[in-house]
Amino acid sequence: FPVTLLAAGAEAIPLESGSVDSVVSTWTLCSIPEVGQALQEIRRVLKPDGRLLFMEHGLAPDASVARTQAWMAPVFRGLAGCELNRDMDRLIREAGFRVAVLEKAYLDGPRFLSFHYIGEAAAA
């Protein structure tokens, strides 16, 4: 199947509204400066039955891990451009998506980096 790569920021996707079947986001939403705007753009370009598939690390539910994430956030923002403590499912819902499938779990690695949101969402 054909794949087209675009050199563009996610906050302004150069595609027509309703022209995309699926968007796959893996470990990217943590680094987009205007993540809400990017998610709204993703929703805009998706077809009415399109879907957002995502695997993102983010805010952990455990208070001690979340405190470590908050403490480490400025360091990772400066070193890697990554926001460790974004509440991914909340951000996705706030952008107008209905989250149909969601798994939250720690994967291998340091706990402050390894809490993941894995799922599928569609325009609400």
PDB file of N, CA and C in Angstrom:
ATOM      1  N   PHE A   1       0.842  -1.179   0.000  1.00  0.00           N
ATOM      2  CA  PHE A   1       0.000   0.000   0.000  1.00  0.00           C
ATOM      3  C   PHE A   1       0.880   1.232   0.000  1.00  0.00           C
ATOM      4  N   PRO A   2       0.389   2.275  -0.607  1.00  0.00           N
ATOM      5  CA  PRO A   2       1.222   3.484  -0.711  1.00  0.00           C
ATOM      6  C   PRO A   2       1.320   4.225   0.616  1.00  0.00           C
ATOM      7  N   VAL A   3       2.485   4.750   0.878  1.00  0.00           N
ATOM      8  CA  VAL A   3       2.752   5.543   2.071  1.00  0.00           C
ATOM      9  C   VAL A   3       3.385   6.848   1.618  1.00  0.00           C
ATOM     10  N   THR A   4       2.901   7.945   2.165  1.00  0.00           N
ATOM     11  CA  THR A   4       3.464   9.254   1.839  1.00  0.00           C
ATOM     12  C   THR A   4       4.053   9.859   3.107  1.00  0.00           C
ATOM     13  N   LEU A   5       5.310  10.233   3.049  1.00  0.00           N
ATOM     14  CA  LEU A   5       5.955  10.899   4.170  1.00  0.00           C
ATOM     15  C   LEU A   5       5.920  12.404   3.925  1.00  0.00           C
ATOM     16  N   LEU A   6       5.536  13.159   4.942  1.00  0.00           N
ATOM     17  CA  LEU A   6       5.465  14.616   4.840  1.00  0.00           C
ATOM     18  C   LEU A   6       6.461  15.238   5.804  1.00  0.00           C
ATOM     19  N   ALA A   7       7.186  16.224   5.357  1.00  0.00           N
ATOM     20  CA  ALA A   7       8.079  16.979   6.232  1.00  0.00           C
ATOM     21  C   ALA A   7       7.305  18.198   6.712  1.00  0.00           C
ATOM     22  N   ALA A   8       6.598  18.023   7.821  1.00  0.00           N
ATOM     23  CA  ALA A   8       5.753  19.099   8.340  1.00  0.00           C
ATOM     24  C   ALA A   8       5.551  18.903   9.827  1.00  0.00           C
ATOM     25  N   GLY A   9       5.268  20.001  10.506  1.00  0.00           N
ATOM     26  CA  GLY A   9       4.939  19.923  11.918  1.00  0.00           C
ATOM     27  C   GLY A   9       3.524  19.418  12.115  1.00  0.00           C
ATOM     28  N   ALA A  10       3.280  18.749  13.213  1.00  0.00           N
ATOM     29  CA  ALA A  10       1.961  18.179  13.484  1.00  0.00           C
ATOM     30  C   ALA A  10       0.919  19.245  13.800  1.00  0.00           C
ATOM     31  N   GLU A  11       1.353  20.443  14.149  1.00  0.00           N
ATOM     32  CA  GLU A  11       0.407  21.506  14.487  1.00  0.00           C
ATOM     33  C   GLU A  11      -0.266  22.109  13.255  1.00  0.00           C
ATOM     34  N   ALA A  12       0.271  21.853  12.080  1.00  0.00           N
ATOM     35  CA  ALA A  12      -0.301  22.351  10.819  1.00  0.00           C
ATOM     36  C   ALA A  12      -0.027  21.312   9.737  1.00  0.00           C
ATOM     37  N   ILE A  13      -0.868  20.296   9.671  1.00  0.00           N
ATOM     38  CA  ILE A  13      -0.669  19.192   8.736  1.00  0.00           C
ATOM     39  C   ILE A  13      -1.154  19.619   7.350  1.00  0.00           C
ATOM     40  N   PRO A  14      -0.281  19.566   6.335  1.00  0.00           N
ATOM     41  CA  PRO A  14      -0.640  20.043   5.000  1.00  0.00           C
ATOM     42  C   PRO A  14      -1.437  19.009   4.190  1.00  0.00           C
ATOM     43  N   LEU A  15      -2.588  18.618   4.735  1.00  0.00           N
ATOM     44  CA  LEU A  15      -3.482  17.680   4.073  1.00  0.00           C
ATOM     45  C   LEU A  15      -4.906  18.202   4.158  1.00  0.00           C
ATOM     46  N   GLU A  16      -5.733  17.750   3.234  1.00  0.00           N
ATOM     47  CA  GLU A  16      -7.134  18.144   3.244  1.00  0.00           C
ATOM     48  C   GLU A  16      -7.865  17.528   4.430  1.00  0.00           C
ATOM     49  N   SER A  17      -8.871  18.210   4.912  1.00  0.00           N
ATOM     50  CA  SER A  17      -9.715  17.683   5.986  1.00  0.00           C
ATOM     51  C   SER A  17     -10.366  16.385   5.524  1.00  0.00           C
ATOM     52  N   GLY A  18     -10.430  15.422   6.429  1.00  0.00           N
ATOM     53  CA  GLY A  18     -11.093  14.164   6.130  1.00  0.00           C
ATOM     54  C   GLY A  18     -10.448  13.330   5.055  1.00  0.00           C
ATOM     55  N   SER A  19      -9.134  13.407   4.934  1.00  0.00           N
ATOM     56  CA  SER A  19      -8.448  12.714   3.837  1.00  0.00           C
ATOM     57  C   SER A  19      -7.580  11.529   4.273  1.00  0.00           C
ATOM     58  N   VAL A  20      -7.534  11.230   5.566  1.00  0.00           N
ATOM     59  CA  VAL A  20      -6.602  10.225   6.076  1.00  0.00           C
ATOM     60  C   VAL A  20      -7.371   9.103   6.780  1.00  0.00           C
ATOM     61  N   ASP A  21      -6.991   7.862   6.466  1.00  0.00           N
ATOM     62  CA  ASP A  21      -7.630   6.701   7.099  1.00  0.00           C
ATOM     63  C   ASP A  21      -7.187   6.513   8.540  1.00  0.00           C
ATOM     64  N   SER A  22      -5.886   6.612   8.787  1.00  0.00           N
ATOM     65  CA  SER A  22      -5.333   6.362  10.119  1.00  0.00           C
ATOM     66  C   SER A  22      -4.120   7.236  10.364  1.00  0.00           C
ATOM     67  N   VAL A  23      -3.934   7.578  11.611  1.00  0.00           N
ATOM     68  CA  VAL A  23      -2.722   8.255  12.058  1.00  0.00           C
ATOM     69  C   VAL A  23      -2.128   7.383  13.155  1.00  0.00           C
ATOM     70  N   VAL A  24      -0.832   7.115  13.050  1.00  0.00           N
ATOM     71  CA  VAL A  24      -0.127   6.328  14.052  1.00  0.00           C
ATOM     72  C   VAL A  24       0.853   7.253  14.753  1.00  0.00           C
ATOM     73  N   SER A  25       0.751   7.300  16.064  1.00  0.00           N
ATOM     74  CA  SER A  25       1.644   8.146  16.863  1.00  0.00           C
ATOM     75  C   SER A  25       2.341   7.261  17.889  1.00  0.00           C
ATOM     76  N   THR A  26       3.656   7.168  17.744  1.00  0.00           N
ATOM     77  CA  THR A  26       4.438   6.376  18.694  1.00  0.00           C
ATOM     78  C   THR A  26       5.546   7.240  19.264  1.00  0.00           C
ATOM     79  N   TRP A  27       5.478   7.473  20.543  1.00  0.00           N
ATOM     80  CA  TRP A  27       6.480   8.243  21.280  1.00  0.00           C
ATOM     81  C   TRP A  27       6.758   9.598  20.635  1.00  0.00           C
ATOM     82  N   THR A  28       5.704  10.282  20.221  1.00  0.00           N
ATOM     83  CA  THR A  28       5.869  11.600  19.612  1.00  0.00           C
ATOM     84  C   THR A  28       5.092  12.692  20.333  1.00  0.00           C
ATOM     85  N   LEU A  29       3.939  12.369  20.901  1.00  0.00           N
ATOM     86  CA  LEU A  29       3.103  13.403  21.525  1.00  0.00           C
ATOM     87  C   LEU A  29       3.798  14.068  22.708  1.00  0.00           C
ATOM     88  N   CYS A  30       4.787  13.424  23.273  1.00  0.00           N
ATOM     89  CA  CYS A  30       5.525  14.010  24.390  1.00  0.00           C
ATOM     90  C   CYS A  30       6.428  15.156  23.939  1.00  0.00           C
ATOM     91  N   SER A  31       6.743  15.206  22.650  1.00  0.00           N
ATOM     92  CA  SER A  31       7.723  16.187  22.181  1.00  0.00           C
ATOM     93  C   SER A  31       7.142  17.298  21.315  1.00  0.00           C
ATOM     94  N   ILE A  32       5.845  17.266  21.046  1.00  0.00           N
ATOM     95  CA  ILE A  32       5.223  18.299  20.225  1.00  0.00           C
ATOM     96  C   ILE A  32       4.888  19.489  21.119  1.00  0.00           C
ATOM     97  N   PRO A  33       5.438  20.677  20.817  1.00  0.00           N
ATOM     98  CA  PRO A  33       5.213  21.836  21.700  1.00  0.00           C
ATOM     99  C   PRO A  33       3.726  22.152  21.924  1.00  0.00           C
ATOM    100  N   GLU A  34       2.950  22.205  20.871  1.00  0.00           N
ATOM    101  CA  GLU A  34       1.513  22.505  20.976  1.00  0.00           C
ATOM    102  C   GLU A  34       0.729  21.216  20.740  1.00  0.00           C
ATOM    103  N   VAL A  35       0.795  20.308  21.711  1.00  0.00           N
ATOM    104  CA  VAL A  35       0.221  18.978  21.536  1.00  0.00           C
ATOM    105  C   VAL A  35      -1.289  19.029  21.324  1.00  0.00           C
ATOM    106  N   GLY A  36      -2.006  19.909  21.992  1.00  0.00           N
ATOM    107  CA  GLY A  36      -3.449  20.026  21.795  1.00  0.00           C
ATOM    108  C   GLY A  36      -3.790  20.423  20.371  1.00  0.00           C
ATOM    109  N   GLN A  37      -3.062  21.383  19.853  1.00  0.00           N
ATOM    110  CA  GLN A  37      -3.261  21.827  18.471  1.00  0.00           C
ATOM    111  C   GLN A  37      -2.940  20.695  17.498  1.00  0.00           C
ATOM    112  N   ALA A  38      -1.879  19.948  17.768  1.00  0.00           N
ATOM    113  CA  ALA A  38      -1.508  18.828  16.906  1.00  0.00           C
ATOM    114  C   ALA A  38      -2.594  17.760  16.901  1.00  0.00           C
ATOM    115  N   LEU A  39      -3.146  17.454  18.055  1.00  0.00           N
ATOM    116  CA  LEU A  39      -4.217  16.458  18.126  1.00  0.00           C
ATOM    117  C   LEU A  39      -5.467  16.932  17.395  1.00  0.00           C
ATOM    118  N   GLN A  40      -5.767  18.213  17.472  1.00  0.00           N
ATOM    119  CA  GLN A  40      -6.911  18.746  16.728  1.00  0.00           C
ATOM    120  C   GLN A  40      -6.661  18.655  15.220  1.00  0.00           C
ATOM    121  N   GLU A  41      -5.438  18.877  14.795  1.00  0.00           N
ATOM    122  CA  GLU A  41      -5.079  18.730  13.385  1.00  0.00           C
ATOM    123  C   GLU A  41      -5.214  17.272  12.940  1.00  0.00           C
ATOM    124  N   ILE A  42      -4.791  16.361  13.784  1.00  0.00           N
ATOM    125  CA  ILE A  42      -4.935  14.942  13.469  1.00  0.00           C
ATOM    126  C   ILE A  42      -6.416  14.609  13.300  1.00  0.00           C
ATOM    127  N   ARG A  43      -7.245  15.095  14.213  1.00  0.00           N
ATOM    128  CA  ARG A  43      -8.693  14.854  14.117  1.00  0.00           C
ATOM    129  C   ARG A  43      -9.247  15.460  12.833  1.00  0.00           C
ATOM    130  N   ARG A  44      -8.773  16.640  12.470  1.00  0.00           N
ATOM    131  CA  ARG A  44      -9.243  17.320  11.259  1.00  0.00           C
ATOM    132  C   ARG A  44      -8.959  16.512  10.004  1.00  0.00           C
ATOM    133  N   VAL A  45      -7.747  15.944   9.887  1.00  0.00           N
ATOM    134  CA  VAL A  45      -7.377  15.252   8.656  1.00  0.00           C
ATOM    135  C   VAL A  45      -7.936  13.830   8.579  1.00  0.00           C
ATOM    136  N   LEU A  46      -8.372  13.280   9.696  1.00  0.00           N
ATOM    137  CA  LEU A  46      -8.926  11.926   9.666  1.00  0.00           C
ATOM    138  C   LEU A  46     -10.285  11.895   8.978  1.00  0.00           C
ATOM    139  N   LYS A  47     -10.538  10.831   8.232  1.00  0.00           N
ATOM    140  CA  LYS A  47     -11.855  10.585   7.662  1.00  0.00           C
ATOM    141  C   LYS A  47     -12.840  10.361   8.810  1.00  0.00           C
ATOM    142  N   PRO A  48     -14.135  10.497   8.562  1.00  0.00           N
ATOM    143  CA  PRO A  48     -15.114  10.300   9.646  1.00  0.00           C
ATOM    144  C   PRO A  48     -14.971   8.960  10.371  1.00  0.00           C
ATOM    145  N   ASP A  49     -14.573   7.917   9.661  1.00  0.00           N
ATOM    146  CA  ASP A  49     -14.372   6.621  10.310  1.00  0.00           C
ATOM    147  C   ASP A  49     -12.885   6.340  10.569  1.00  0.00           C
ATOM    148  N   GLY A  50     -12.054   7.374  10.464  1.00  0.00           N
ATOM    149  CA  GLY A  50     -10.610   7.223  10.671  1.00  0.00           C
ATOM    150  C   GLY A  50     -10.276   6.993  12.128  1.00  0.00           C
ATOM    151  N   ARG A  51      -9.047   6.586  12.359  1.00  0.00           N
ATOM    152  CA  ARG A  51      -8.655   6.299  13.738  1.00  0.00           C
ATOM    153  C   ARG A  51      -7.233   6.751  14.027  1.00  0.00           C
ATOM    154  N   LEU A  52      -7.034   7.097  15.256  1.00  0.00           N
ATOM    155  CA  LEU A  52      -5.726   7.442  15.795  1.00  0.00           C
ATOM    156  C   LEU A  52      -5.248   6.246  16.609  1.00  0.00           C
ATOM    157  N   LEU A  53      -4.119   5.692  16.218  1.00  0.00           N
ATOM    158  CA  LEU A  53      -3.489   4.600  16.962  1.00  0.00           C
ATOM    159  C   LEU A  53      -2.285   5.195  17.679  1.00  0.00           C
ATOM    160  N   PHE A  54      -2.173   4.927  18.959  1.00  0.00           N
ATOM    161  CA  PHE A  54      -1.099   5.575  19.707  1.00  0.00           C
ATOM    162  C   PHE A  54      -0.438   4.641  20.706  1.00  0.00           C
ATOM    163  N   MET A  55       0.834   4.913  20.908  1.00  0.00           N
ATOM    164  CA  MET A  55       1.633   4.300  21.971  1.00  0.00           C
ATOM    165  C   MET A  55       2.553   5.409  22.460  1.00  0.00           C
ATOM    166  N   GLU A  56       2.257   5.905  23.634  1.00  0.00           N
ATOM    167  CA  GLU A  56       2.957   7.073  24.164  1.00  0.00           C
ATOM    168  C   GLU A  56       3.298   6.856  25.630  1.00  0.00           C
ATOM    169  N   HIS A  57       4.435   7.355  26.047  1.00  0.00           N
ATOM    170  CA  HIS A  57       4.717   7.337  27.481  1.00  0.00           C
ATOM    171  C   HIS A  57       4.197   8.643  28.074  1.00  0.00           C
ATOM    172  N   GLY A  58       3.936   8.622  29.377  1.00  0.00           N
ATOM    173  CA  GLY A  58       3.400   9.836  29.975  1.00  0.00           C
ATOM    174  C   GLY A  58       3.194   9.714  31.472  1.00  0.00           C
ATOM    175  N   LEU A  59       2.299  10.550  31.965  1.00  0.00           N
ATOM    176  CA  LEU A  59       2.050  10.691  33.394  1.00  0.00           C
ATOM    177  C   LEU A  59       1.671   9.359  34.035  1.00  0.00           C
ATOM    178  N   ALA A  60       2.414   8.982  35.042  1.00  0.00           N
ATOM    179  CA  ALA A  60       2.164   7.741  35.771  1.00  0.00           C
ATOM    180  C   ALA A  60       1.089   7.963  36.833  1.00  0.00           C
ATOM    181  N   PRO A  61       0.328   6.924  37.151  1.00  0.00           N
ATOM    182  CA  PRO A  61      -0.726   7.058  38.155  1.00  0.00           C
ATOM    183  C   PRO A  61      -0.213   7.024  39.599  1.00  0.00           C
ATOM    184  N   ASP A  62       0.976   6.503  39.794  1.00  0.00           N
ATOM    185  CA  ASP A  62       1.533   6.401  41.140  1.00  0.00           C
ATOM    186  C   ASP A  62       2.114   7.736  41.568  1.00  0.00           C
ATOM    187  N   ALA A  63       1.679   8.219  42.720  1.00  0.00           N
ATOM    188  CA  ALA A  63       2.073   9.554  43.178  1.00  0.00           C
ATOM    189  C   ALA A  63       3.587   9.718  43.249  1.00  0.00           C
ATOM    190  N   SER A  64       4.292   8.726  43.754  1.00  0.00           N
ATOM    191  CA  SER A  64       5.744   8.867  43.887  1.00  0.00           C
ATOM    192  C   SER A  64       6.421   8.943  42.512  1.00  0.00           C
ATOM    193  N   VAL A  65       5.939   8.173  41.556  1.00  0.00           N
ATOM    194  CA  VAL A  65       6.501   8.205  40.203  1.00  0.00           C
ATOM    195  C   VAL A  65       6.155   9.537  39.538  1.00  0.00           C
ATOM    196  N   ALA A  66       4.921   9.999  39.724  1.00  0.00           N
ATOM    197  CA  ALA A  66       4.499  11.279  39.148  1.00  0.00           C
ATOM    198  C   ALA A  66       5.338  12.425  39.709  1.00  0.00           C
ATOM    199  N   ARG A  67       5.675  12.364  41.000  1.00  0.00           N
ATOM    200  CA  ARG A  67       6.541  13.401  41.589  1.00  0.00           C
ATOM    201  C   ARG A  67       7.926  13.373  40.946  1.00  0.00           C
ATOM    202  N   THR A  68       8.457  12.183  40.721  1.00  0.00           N
ATOM    203  CA  THR A  68       9.752  12.059  40.048  1.00  0.00           C
ATOM    204  C   THR A  68       9.658  12.601  38.628  1.00  0.00           C
ATOM    205  N   GLN A  69       8.573  12.301  37.931  1.00  0.00           N
ATOM    206  CA  GLN A  69       8.383  12.826  36.579  1.00  0.00           C
ATOM    207  C   GLN A  69       8.355  14.351  36.585  1.00  0.00           C
ATOM    208  N   ALA A  70       7.650  14.929  37.541  1.00  0.00           N
ATOM    209  CA  ALA A  70       7.574  16.394  37.627  1.00  0.00           C
ATOM    210  C   ALA A  70       8.952  16.985  37.901  1.00  0.00           C
ATOM    211  N   TRP A  71       9.717  16.342  38.754  1.00  0.00           N
ATOM    212  CA  TRP A  71      11.057  16.818  39.093  1.00  0.00           C
ATOM    213  C   TRP A  71      12.001  16.683  37.898  1.00  0.00           C
ATOM    214  N   MET A  72      11.856  15.585  37.133  1.00  0.00           N
ATOM    215  CA  MET A  72      12.744  15.328  35.993  1.00  0.00           C
ATOM    216  C   MET A  72      12.300  16.050  34.718  1.00  0.00           C
ATOM    217  N   ALA A  73      11.072  16.519  34.670  1.00  0.00           N
ATOM    218  CA  ALA A  73      10.520  17.112  33.441  1.00  0.00           C
ATOM    219  C   ALA A  73      11.392  18.221  32.849  1.00  0.00           C
ATOM    220  N   PRO A  74      11.852  19.191  33.640  1.00  0.00           N
ATOM    221  CA  PRO A  74      12.687  20.242  33.036  1.00  0.00           C
ATOM    222  C   PRO A  74      13.989  19.708  32.432  1.00  0.00           C
ATOM    223  N   VAL A  75      14.552  18.691  33.049  1.00  0.00           N
ATOM    224  CA  VAL A  75      15.788  18.103  32.540  1.00  0.00           C
ATOM    225  C   VAL A  75      15.533  17.439  31.187  1.00  0.00           C
ATOM    226  N   PHE A  76      14.485  16.618  31.111  1.00  0.00           N
ATOM    227  CA  PHE A  76      14.188  15.923  29.857  1.00  0.00           C
ATOM    228  C   PHE A  76      13.709  16.876  28.776  1.00  0.00           C
ATOM    229  N   ARG A  77      12.994  17.921  29.176  1.00  0.00           N
ATOM    230  CA  ARG A  77      12.555  18.926  28.203  1.00  0.00           C
ATOM    231  C   ARG A  77      13.781  19.566  27.566  1.00  0.00           C
ATOM    232  N   GLY A  78      14.795  19.883  28.372  1.00  0.00           N
ATOM    233  CA  GLY A  78      16.004  20.514  27.859  1.00  0.00           C
ATOM    234  C   GLY A  78      16.894  19.570  27.070  1.00  0.00           C
ATOM    235  N   LEU A  79      17.019  18.331  27.521  1.00  0.00           N
ATOM    236  CA  LEU A  79      17.910  17.366  26.869  1.00  0.00           C
ATOM    237  C   LEU A  79      17.301  16.710  25.637  1.00  0.00           C
ATOM    238  N   ALA A  80      16.026  16.343  25.735  1.00  0.00           N
ATOM    239  CA  ALA A  80      15.420  15.539  24.677  1.00  0.00           C
ATOM    240  C   ALA A  80      14.173  16.165  24.069  1.00  0.00           C
ATOM    241  N   GLY A  81      13.756  17.317  24.594  1.00  0.00           N
ATOM    242  CA  GLY A  81      12.532  17.931  24.092  1.00  0.00           C
ATOM    243  C   GLY A  81      11.284  17.144  24.449  1.00  0.00           C
ATOM    244  N   CYS A  82      11.373  16.377  25.506  1.00  0.00           N
ATOM    245  CA  CYS A  82      10.312  15.450  25.898  1.00  0.00           C
ATOM    246  C   CYS A  82       9.631  15.920  27.180  1.00  0.00           C
ATOM    247  N   GLU A  83       8.301  15.893  27.173  1.00  0.00           N
ATOM    248  CA  GLU A  83       7.510  16.186  28.376  1.00  0.00           C
ATOM    249  C   GLU A  83       7.120  14.850  28.992  1.00  0.00           C
ATOM    250  N   LEU A  84       7.772  14.490  30.091  1.00  0.00           N
ATOM    251  CA  LEU A  84       7.576  13.181  30.714  1.00  0.00           C
ATOM    252  C   LEU A  84       6.192  12.976  31.304  1.00  0.00           C
ATOM    253  N   ASN A  85       5.549  14.061  31.695  1.00  0.00           N
ATOM    254  CA  ASN A  85       4.358  13.922  32.536  1.00  0.00           C
ATOM    255  C   ASN A  85       3.080  14.440  31.871  1.00  0.00           C
ATOM    256  N   ARG A  86       2.940  14.174  30.600  1.00  0.00           N
ATOM    257  CA  ARG A  86       1.685  14.526  29.926  1.00  0.00           C
ATOM    258  C   ARG A  86       0.666  13.405  30.137  1.00  0.00           C
ATOM    259  N   ASP A  87      -0.536  13.803  30.483  1.00  0.00           N
ATOM    260  CA  ASP A  87      -1.639  12.868  30.693  1.00  0.00           C
ATOM    261  C   ASP A  87      -2.253  12.582  29.320  1.00  0.00           C
ATOM    262  N   MET A  88      -1.758  11.571  28.656  1.00  0.00           N
ATOM    263  CA  MET A  88      -2.051  11.354  27.243  1.00  0.00           C
ATOM    264  C   MET A  88      -3.525  11.090  26.956  1.00  0.00           C
ATOM    265  N   ASP A  89      -4.183  10.239  27.732  1.00  0.00           N
ATOM    266  CA  ASP A  89      -5.586   9.979  27.395  1.00  0.00           C
ATOM    267  C   ASP A  89      -6.452  11.217  27.626  1.00  0.00           C
ATOM    268  N   ARG A  90      -6.127  12.022  28.620  1.00  0.00           N
ATOM    269  CA  ARG A  90      -6.872  13.272  28.834  1.00  0.00           C
ATOM    270  C   ARG A  90      -6.663  14.217  27.657  1.00  0.00           C
ATOM    271  N   LEU A  91      -5.421  14.366  27.207  1.00  0.00           N
ATOM    272  CA  LEU A  91      -5.124  15.249  26.070  1.00  0.00           C
ATOM    273  C   LEU A  91      -5.846  14.796  24.808  1.00  0.00           C
ATOM    274  N   ILE A  92      -5.868  13.493  24.580  1.00  0.00           N
ATOM    275  CA  ILE A  92      -6.528  12.953  23.391  1.00  0.00           C
ATOM    276  C   ILE A  92      -8.030  13.220  23.465  1.00  0.00           C
ATOM    277  N   ARG A  93      -8.626  13.010  24.623  1.00  0.00           N
ATOM    278  CA  ARG A  93     -10.068  13.267  24.783  1.00  0.00           C
ATOM    279  C   ARG A  93     -10.385  14.760  24.647  1.00  0.00           C
ATOM    280  N   GLU A  94      -9.561  15.600  25.238  1.00  0.00           N
ATOM    281  CA  GLU A  94      -9.792  17.048  25.168  1.00  0.00           C
ATOM    282  C   GLU A  94      -9.713  17.571  23.733  1.00  0.00           C
ATOM    283  N   ALA A  95      -9.022  16.853  22.859  1.00  0.00           N
ATOM    284  CA  ALA A  95      -8.909  17.263  21.457  1.00  0.00           C
ATOM    285  C   ALA A  95     -10.102  16.790  20.629  1.00  0.00           C
ATOM    286  N   GLY A  96     -11.078  16.156  21.275  1.00  0.00           N
ATOM    287  CA  GLY A  96     -12.288  15.762  20.563  1.00  0.00           C
ATOM    288  C   GLY A  96     -12.313  14.322  20.096  1.00  0.00           C
ATOM    289  N   PHE A  97     -11.493  13.483  20.709  1.00  0.00           N
ATOM    290  CA  PHE A  97     -11.492  12.067  20.367  1.00  0.00           C
ATOM    291  C   PHE A  97     -12.272  11.263  21.398  1.00  0.00           C
ATOM    292  N   ARG A  98     -12.811  10.152  20.931  1.00  0.00           N
ATOM    293  CA  ARG A  98     -13.402   9.145  21.806  1.00  0.00           C
ATOM    294  C   ARG A  98     -12.389   8.004  21.848  1.00  0.00           C
ATOM    295  N   VAL A  99     -11.890   7.696  23.024  1.00  0.00           N
ATOM    296  CA  VAL A  99     -10.899   6.633  23.159  1.00  0.00           C
ATOM    297  C   VAL A  99     -11.655   5.304  23.224  1.00  0.00           C
ATOM    298  N   ALA A 100     -11.476   4.479  22.187  1.00  0.00           N
ATOM    299  CA  ALA A 100     -12.195   3.211  22.075  1.00  0.00           C
ATOM    300  C   ALA A 100     -11.463   2.074  22.780  1.00  0.00           C
ATOM    301  N   VAL A 101     -10.149   2.110  22.723  1.00  0.00           N
ATOM    302  CA  VAL A 101      -9.316   1.080  23.337  1.00  0.00           C
ATOM    303  C   VAL A 101      -8.194   1.790  24.071  1.00  0.00           C
ATOM    304  N   LEU A 102      -7.957   1.394  25.317  1.00  0.00           N
ATOM    305  CA  LEU A 102      -6.861   2.012  26.064  1.00  0.00           C
ATOM    306  C   LEU A 102      -6.271   1.008  27.033  1.00  0.00           C
ATOM    307  N   GLU A 103      -4.986   0.832  26.932  1.00  0.00           N
ATOM    308  CA  GLU A 103      -4.237   0.033  27.892  1.00  0.00           C
ATOM    309  C   GLU A 103      -3.211   0.958  28.523  1.00  0.00           C
ATOM    310  N   LYS A 104      -3.146   0.935  29.834  1.00  0.00           N
ATOM    311  CA  LYS A 104      -2.145   1.721  30.560  1.00  0.00           C
ATOM    312  C   LYS A 104      -1.300   0.737  31.350  1.00  0.00           C
ATOM    313  N   ALA A 105       0.015   0.865  31.218  1.00  0.00           N
ATOM    314  CA  ALA A 105       0.891  -0.081  31.898  1.00  0.00           C
ATOM    315  C   ALA A 105       2.316   0.436  31.932  1.00  0.00           C
ATOM    316  N   TYR A 106       3.055  -0.057  32.924  1.00  0.00           N
ATOM    317  CA  TYR A 106       4.496   0.170  32.938  1.00  0.00           C
ATOM    318  C   TYR A 106       5.133  -0.863  32.021  1.00  0.00           C
ATOM    319  N   LEU A 107       5.992  -0.402  31.126  1.00  0.00           N
ATOM    320  CA  LEU A 107       6.784  -1.300  30.307  1.00  0.00           C
ATOM    321  C   LEU A 107       8.172  -1.385  30.929  1.00  0.00           C
ATOM    322  N   ASP A 108       9.056  -2.132  30.324  1.00  0.00           N
ATOM    323  CA  ASP A 108      10.411  -2.266  30.862  1.00  0.00           C
ATOM    324  C   ASP A 108      11.112  -0.915  30.872  1.00  0.00           C
ATOM    325  N   GLY A 109      11.899  -0.691  31.894  1.00  0.00           N
ATOM    326  CA  GLY A 109      12.679   0.532  31.988  1.00  0.00           C
ATOM    327  C   GLY A 109      12.405   1.270  33.288  1.00  0.00           C
ATOM    328  N   PRO A 110      13.080   2.398  33.478  1.00  0.00           N
ATOM    329  CA  PRO A 110      12.853   3.195  34.687  1.00  0.00           C
ATOM    330  C   PRO A 110      11.386   3.617  34.764  1.00  0.00           C
ATOM    331  N   ARG A 111      10.798   3.514  35.950  1.00  0.00           N
ATOM    332  CA  ARG A 111       9.366   3.779  36.095  1.00  0.00           C
ATOM    333  C   ARG A 111       8.985   5.194  35.674  1.00  0.00           C
ATOM    334  N   PHE A 112       9.845   6.166  35.877  1.00  0.00           N
ATOM    335  CA  PHE A 112       9.487   7.541  35.509  1.00  0.00           C
ATOM    336  C   PHE A 112       9.429   7.720  33.989  1.00  0.00           C
ATOM    337  N   LEU A 113       9.996   6.786  33.243  1.00  0.00           N
ATOM    338  CA  LEU A 113       9.970   6.828  31.767  1.00  0.00           C
ATOM    339  C   LEU A 113       9.063   5.771  31.149  1.00  0.00           C
ATOM    340  N   SER A 114       8.662   4.786  31.916  1.00  0.00           N
ATOM    341  CA  SER A 114       8.088   3.592  31.299  1.00  0.00           C
ATOM    342  C   SER A 114       6.575   3.437  31.410  1.00  0.00           C
ATOM    343  N   PHE A 115       5.871   4.430  31.980  1.00  0.00           N
ATOM    344  CA  PHE A 115       4.418   4.304  32.005  1.00  0.00           C
ATOM    345  C   PHE A 115       3.877   4.668  30.625  1.00  0.00           C
ATOM    346  N   HIS A 116       3.082   3.763  30.035  1.00  0.00           N
ATOM    347  CA  HIS A 116       2.620   3.933  28.655  1.00  0.00           C
ATOM    348  C   HIS A 116       1.105   3.923  28.531  1.00  0.00           C
ATOM    349  N   TYR A 117       0.663   4.651  27.529  1.00  0.00           N
ATOM    350  CA  TYR A 117      -0.730   4.687  27.097  1.00  0.00           C
ATOM    351  C   TYR A 117      -0.736   4.078  25.691  1.00  0.00           C
ATOM    352  N   ILE A 118      -1.467   2.989  25.514  1.00  0.00           N
ATOM    353  CA  ILE A 118      -1.506   2.298  24.233  1.00  0.00           C
ATOM    354  C   ILE A 118      -2.972   2.159  23.846  1.00  0.00           C
ATOM    355  N   GLY A 119      -3.336   2.675  22.683  1.00  0.00           N
ATOM    356  CA  GLY A 119      -4.750   2.595  22.365  1.00  0.00           C
ATOM    357  C   GLY A 119      -5.133   3.039  20.973  1.00  0.00           C
ATOM    358  N   GLU A 120      -6.446   3.177  20.842  1.00  0.00           N
ATOM    359  CA  GLU A 120      -7.062   3.568  19.595  1.00  0.00           C
ATOM    360  C   GLU A 120      -8.170   4.570  19.911  1.00  0.00           C
ATOM    361  N   ALA A 121      -8.238   5.630  19.109  1.00  0.00           N
ATOM    362  CA  ALA A 121      -9.256   6.657  19.305  1.00  0.00           C
ATOM    363  C   ALA A 121      -9.850   7.057  17.961  1.00  0.00           C
ATOM    364  N   ALA A 122     -11.076   7.560  18.029  1.00  0.00           N
ATOM    365  CA  ALA A 122     -11.770   8.057  16.830  1.00  0.00           C
ATOM    366  C   ALA A 122     -12.370   9.416  17.164  1.00  0.00           C
ATOM    367  N   ALA A 123     -12.679  10.181  16.148  1.00  0.00           N
ATOM    368  CA  ALA A 123     -13.306  11.485  16.382  1.00  0.00           C
ATOM    369  C   ALA A 123     -14.615  11.290  17.123  1.00  0.00           C
ATOM    370  N   ALA A 124     -14.835  12.100  18.141  1.00  0.00           N
ATOM    371  CA  ALA A 124     -16.056  11.980  18.949  1.00  0.00           C
ATOM    372  C   ALA A 124     -17.245  12.582  18.212  1.00  0.00           C
TER     373      ALA A 124
END
